[in-house]
């Protein structure tokens, strides 16, 4: 299985993701420039964090019109896996590949710190290897991470098990104090109804190096290793 990391003007987590996937997880990974139309045979596409196009207009609002996004949309429609991290999550929402929107944090401040995540759905390769009851410690770094969707959309997402991560404390308790940005229902990560497009604000690639004393991010990609073994 081959990972493609899409590089927009302003991406700044692309090299982190390349190192995490290839240097730590042992996957084949390559960069895909946003003006390209060739996905280079990649099976999983990742839209990394950063400030695509300087976050002008709205975060992710301009990146959605990059030429490669047409191929990303086609890849997703054919069942291919797409993952958006932080700014990548914003791009996927702007592209309508995921429901809802990411708004300014209620504090109106950029927040960069470790947070805790509860996993709500494991019937997909992205979260399938997270142990039951495991509370993940993953860093965030964003100014527009407040997830919002209308009531009808939220009800549909709940019915389809599309809410995959929520902010909580280290004991798994969800509360206003454990919500760093004011996200509706403490939502930190979601997927589409088909379970092949994923988005999350926290950065798992920053929780994969043993020197950082936090490797929880690896759990979100070990399911792909099993997928590879099954396909082979």
Protein backbone atom coordinates (compact mmCIF):
# COMPACT_ATOMS: atom_id res chain seq x y z
CA UNK A 1 0.00 0.00 0.00
CA UNK A 2 1.29 3.41 -0.98
CA UNK A 3 0.53 6.72 0.75
CA UNK A 4 0.38 10.04 -1.09
CA UNK A 5 0.78 13.24 0.92
CA UNK A 6 -0.68 16.24 -0.90
CA UNK A 7 1.45 19.38 -0.71
CA UNK A 8 -0.33 22.73 -1.01
CA UNK A 9 1.35 26.15 -0.89
CA UNK A 10 1.49 26.72 2.86
CA UNK A 11 1.49 23.06 3.93
CA UNK A 12 3.93 22.64 6.81
CA UNK A 13 3.25 19.16 8.13
CA UNK A 14 3.87 17.29 4.88
CA UNK A 15 7.47 16.36 5.72
CA UNK A 16 6.44 15.34 9.24
CA UNK A 17 3.86 12.99 7.72
CA UNK A 18 6.36 11.56 5.21
CA UNK A 19 8.84 10.82 8.02
CA UNK A 20 6.14 9.36 10.24
CA UNK A 21 4.73 7.05 7.56
CA UNK A 22 7.97 5.91 5.94
CA UNK A 23 10.60 6.36 8.63
CA UNK A 24 8.55 5.13 11.59
CA UNK A 25 5.63 3.08 10.27
CA UNK A 26 7.53 1.56 7.36
CA UNK A 27 5.04 2.43 4.62
CA UNK A 28 5.85 3.64 1.13
CA UNK A 29 5.03 7.35 0.98
CA UNK A 30 5.47 10.12 -1.57
CA UNK A 31 4.61 13.80 -1.97
CA UNK A 32 1.93 14.88 -4.47
CA UNK A 33 2.05 18.52 -5.62
CA UNK A 34 -1.33 20.25 -5.62
CA UNK A 35 -1.15 21.19 -9.31
CA UNK A 36 -0.69 17.58 -10.40
CA UNK A 37 -3.44 15.31 -11.70
CA UNK A 38 -1.44 12.10 -11.28
CA UNK A 39 -1.89 10.27 -7.95
CA UNK A 40 1.14 8.09 -8.77
CA UNK A 41 -0.62 4.88 -7.86
CA UNK A 42 -1.23 5.89 -4.25
CA UNK A 43 -3.83 3.90 -2.35
CA UNK A 44 -4.26 6.26 0.61
CA UNK A 45 -4.26 10.05 0.19
CA UNK A 46 -3.41 12.35 3.09
CA UNK A 47 -4.09 16.08 3.22
CA UNK A 48 -1.66 17.31 5.91
CA UNK A 49 -1.76 20.19 8.34
CA UNK A 50 -0.52 23.69 7.72
CA UNK A 51 -1.86 26.92 6.30
CA UNK A 52 -2.80 26.17 2.70
CA UNK A 53 -2.79 29.41 0.70
CA UNK A 54 -2.08 31.28 3.93
CA UNK A 55 -5.58 30.47 5.24
CA UNK A 56 -6.84 33.44 3.23
CA UNK A 57 -10.61 33.73 2.88
CA UNK A 58 -11.23 30.67 5.11
CA UNK A 59 -9.00 27.79 6.08
CA UNK A 60 -9.13 25.27 3.23
CA UNK A 61 -11.47 27.39 1.10
CA UNK A 62 -8.92 28.05 -1.66
CA UNK A 63 -7.16 24.68 -1.53
CA UNK A 64 -10.41 22.94 -2.49
CA UNK A 65 -9.98 24.41 -6.00
CA UNK A 66 -6.47 23.00 -6.52
CA UNK A 67 -6.31 20.72 -9.59
CA UNK A 68 -5.45 17.62 -7.56
CA UNK A 69 -8.68 17.89 -5.56
CA UNK A 70 -10.63 16.68 -8.58
CA UNK A 71 -8.58 13.48 -8.44
CA UNK A 72 -8.99 13.27 -4.65
CA UNK A 73 -12.76 13.48 -5.07
CA UNK A 74 -12.70 10.79 -7.75
CA UNK A 75 -10.48 8.58 -5.59
CA UNK A 76 -12.92 8.91 -2.68
CA UNK A 77 -15.96 8.23 -4.88
CA UNK A 78 -14.35 4.97 -5.99
CA UNK A 79 -13.84 3.84 -2.40
CA UNK A 80 -10.25 5.00 -2.00
CA UNK A 81 -9.12 6.13 1.43
CA UNK A 82 -8.60 9.85 2.09
CA UNK A 83 -7.42 11.33 5.40
CA UNK A 84 -7.34 15.02 6.31
CA UNK A 85 -5.34 16.17 9.33
CA UNK A 86 -5.98 19.66 10.78
CA UNK A 87 -5.85 21.95 7.72
CA UNK A 88 -6.50 18.83 5.62
CA UNK A 89 -9.69 18.25 7.59
CA UNK A 90 -10.71 21.83 6.82
CA UNK A 91 -10.04 21.26 3.10
CA UNK A 92 -12.17 18.09 3.08
CA UNK A 93 -15.09 19.92 4.70
CA UNK A 94 -14.76 22.81 2.25
CA UNK A 95 -14.72 20.24 -0.59
CA UNK A 96 -17.88 18.61 0.80
CA UNK A 97 -16.12 15.27 1.09
CA UNK A 98 -16.95 15.48 4.79
CA UNK A 99 -19.98 17.12 6.43
CA UNK A 100 -19.90 20.21 8.61
CA UNK A 101 -17.41 23.05 8.93
CA UNK A 102 -14.45 24.10 11.08
CA UNK A 103 -14.93 27.51 12.67
CA UNK A 104 -12.69 29.79 14.75
CA UNK A 105 -11.92 28.50 18.23
CA UNK A 106 -14.26 30.03 20.81
CA UNK A 107 -11.19 31.57 22.50
CA UNK A 108 -10.23 33.27 19.20
CA UNK A 109 -6.70 32.07 19.94
CA UNK A 110 -4.37 29.59 18.29
CA UNK A 111 -4.10 26.54 20.56
CA UNK A 112 -1.09 24.21 20.60
CA UNK A 113 -0.98 21.49 23.27
CA UNK A 114 -1.55 17.81 23.97
CA UNK A 115 -5.18 16.78 24.36
CA UNK A 116 -7.05 13.54 25.05
CA UNK A 117 -9.28 11.70 22.58
CA UNK A 118 -11.98 9.08 22.97
CA UNK A 119 -12.56 6.74 20.03
CA UNK A 120 -16.24 6.13 19.24
CA UNK A 121 -16.13 3.96 16.11
CA UNK A 122 -13.73 1.14 15.22
CA UNK A 123 -15.41 -0.36 12.15
CA UNK A 124 -12.83 1.17 9.79
CA UNK A 125 -9.08 0.69 9.15
CA UNK A 126 -8.21 4.09 10.65
CA UNK A 127 -9.35 3.29 14.19
CA UNK A 128 -9.73 -0.50 14.12
CA UNK A 129 -6.52 -1.09 16.09
CA UNK A 130 -7.23 1.36 18.92
CA UNK A 131 -7.86 -0.84 22.00
CA UNK A 132 -11.30 -0.68 23.56
CA UNK A 133 -11.34 1.99 26.23
CA UNK A 134 -7.95 3.43 25.25
CA UNK A 135 -7.79 7.22 25.65
CA UNK A 136 -5.40 8.66 23.09
CA UNK A 137 -2.98 11.49 23.81
CA UNK A 138 -2.51 13.51 20.61
CA UNK A 139 -1.33 17.12 20.08
CA UNK A 140 -3.44 19.87 18.49
CA UNK A 141 -2.25 23.07 16.79
CA UNK A 142 -5.02 25.16 15.26
CA UNK A 143 -6.96 28.40 15.35
CA UNK A 144 -10.03 27.17 13.44
CA UNK A 145 -10.89 23.78 14.87
CA UNK A 146 -14.40 24.23 16.21
CA UNK A 147 -16.53 21.64 14.43
CA UNK A 148 -20.06 22.69 13.58
CA UNK A 149 -22.96 21.13 11.67
CA UNK A 150 -26.71 21.65 11.73
CA UNK A 151 -28.90 19.43 13.87
CA UNK A 152 -30.11 17.26 10.99
CA UNK A 153 -26.53 16.59 9.86
CA UNK A 154 -25.44 15.73 13.41
CA UNK A 155 -28.33 13.27 13.77
CA UNK A 156 -27.34 11.61 10.50
CA UNK A 157 -23.71 11.40 11.60
CA UNK A 158 -24.69 9.84 14.90
CA UNK A 159 -26.92 7.32 13.18
CA UNK A 160 -24.15 6.34 10.75
CA UNK A 161 -21.39 6.26 13.40
CA UNK A 162 -19.50 9.03 11.63
CA UNK A 163 -18.25 10.69 14.81
CA UNK A 164 -15.02 8.81 15.44
CA UNK A 165 -13.18 11.03 17.95
CA UNK A 166 -14.28 13.37 20.74
CA UNK A 167 -12.24 15.53 23.09
CA UNK A 168 -12.17 14.28 26.68
CA UNK A 169 -9.97 14.29 29.77
CA UNK A 170 -7.39 11.62 30.57
CA UNK A 171 -10.11 9.50 32.17
CA UNK A 172 -12.34 9.65 29.11
CA UNK A 173 -14.83 12.14 30.54
CA UNK A 174 -16.23 14.53 27.95
CA UNK A 175 -16.97 18.00 29.28
CA UNK A 176 -16.77 21.67 28.40
CA UNK A 177 -13.41 21.91 30.18
CA UNK A 178 -11.95 19.10 28.05
CA UNK A 179 -13.10 20.76 24.82
CA UNK A 180 -10.21 22.98 23.63
CA UNK A 181 -12.00 24.84 20.83
CA UNK A 182 -15.75 24.72 21.48
CA UNK A 183 -16.53 21.96 18.98
CA UNK A 184 -20.13 20.82 18.92
CA UNK A 185 -20.49 17.64 21.03
CA UNK A 186 -16.71 17.79 21.66
CA UNK A 187 -16.17 16.45 18.12
CA UNK A 188 -12.50 16.07 17.18
CA UNK A 189 -12.70 13.72 14.19
CA UNK A 190 -15.27 12.35 11.78
CA UNK A 191 -15.66 10.19 8.67
CA UNK A 192 -18.08 10.02 5.77
CA UNK A 193 -21.01 7.60 5.70
CA UNK A 194 -19.03 5.16 3.53
CA UNK A 195 -16.16 5.08 6.09
CA UNK A 196 -13.38 5.81 3.61
CA UNK A 197 -12.87 9.57 4.09
CA UNK A 198 -11.58 10.69 7.49
CA UNK A 199 -10.83 14.04 9.09
CA UNK A 200 -9.41 15.00 12.47
CA UNK A 201 -7.98 18.19 13.98
CA UNK A 202 -5.31 16.55 16.24
CA UNK A 203 -1.97 15.56 14.70
CA UNK A 204 -1.24 11.80 15.00
CA UNK A 205 2.04 12.23 13.09
CA UNK A 206 3.31 14.27 16.04
CA UNK A 207 2.57 11.41 18.42
CA UNK A 208 4.65 8.70 16.84
CA UNK A 209 8.25 9.22 17.89
CA UNK A 210 9.38 7.36 21.01
CA UNK A 211 11.67 10.27 21.95
CA UNK A 212 8.55 12.39 22.46
CA UNK A 213 7.34 9.83 25.02
CA UNK A 214 4.08 9.53 23.14
CA UNK A 215 3.41 7.01 20.38
CA UNK A 216 -0.39 6.91 20.46
CA UNK A 217 -0.55 8.24 16.90
CA UNK A 218 0.82 4.96 15.57
CA UNK A 219 -2.37 3.15 16.54
CA UNK A 220 -4.29 5.06 13.90
CA UNK A 221 -2.16 3.63 11.11
CA UNK A 222 -1.51 0.04 12.22
CA UNK A 223 -4.88 -0.95 10.82
CA UNK A 224 -3.54 -0.17 7.35
CA UNK A 225 -0.70 -2.66 7.91
CA UNK A 226 -3.27 -5.38 8.53
CA UNK A 227 -5.17 -4.26 5.46
CA UNK A 228 -2.00 -4.68 3.40
CA UNK A 229 -1.40 -8.17 4.81
CA UNK A 230 -4.99 -9.14 4.02
CA UNK A 231 -4.74 -7.82 0.44
CA UNK A 232 -1.50 -9.71 -0.10
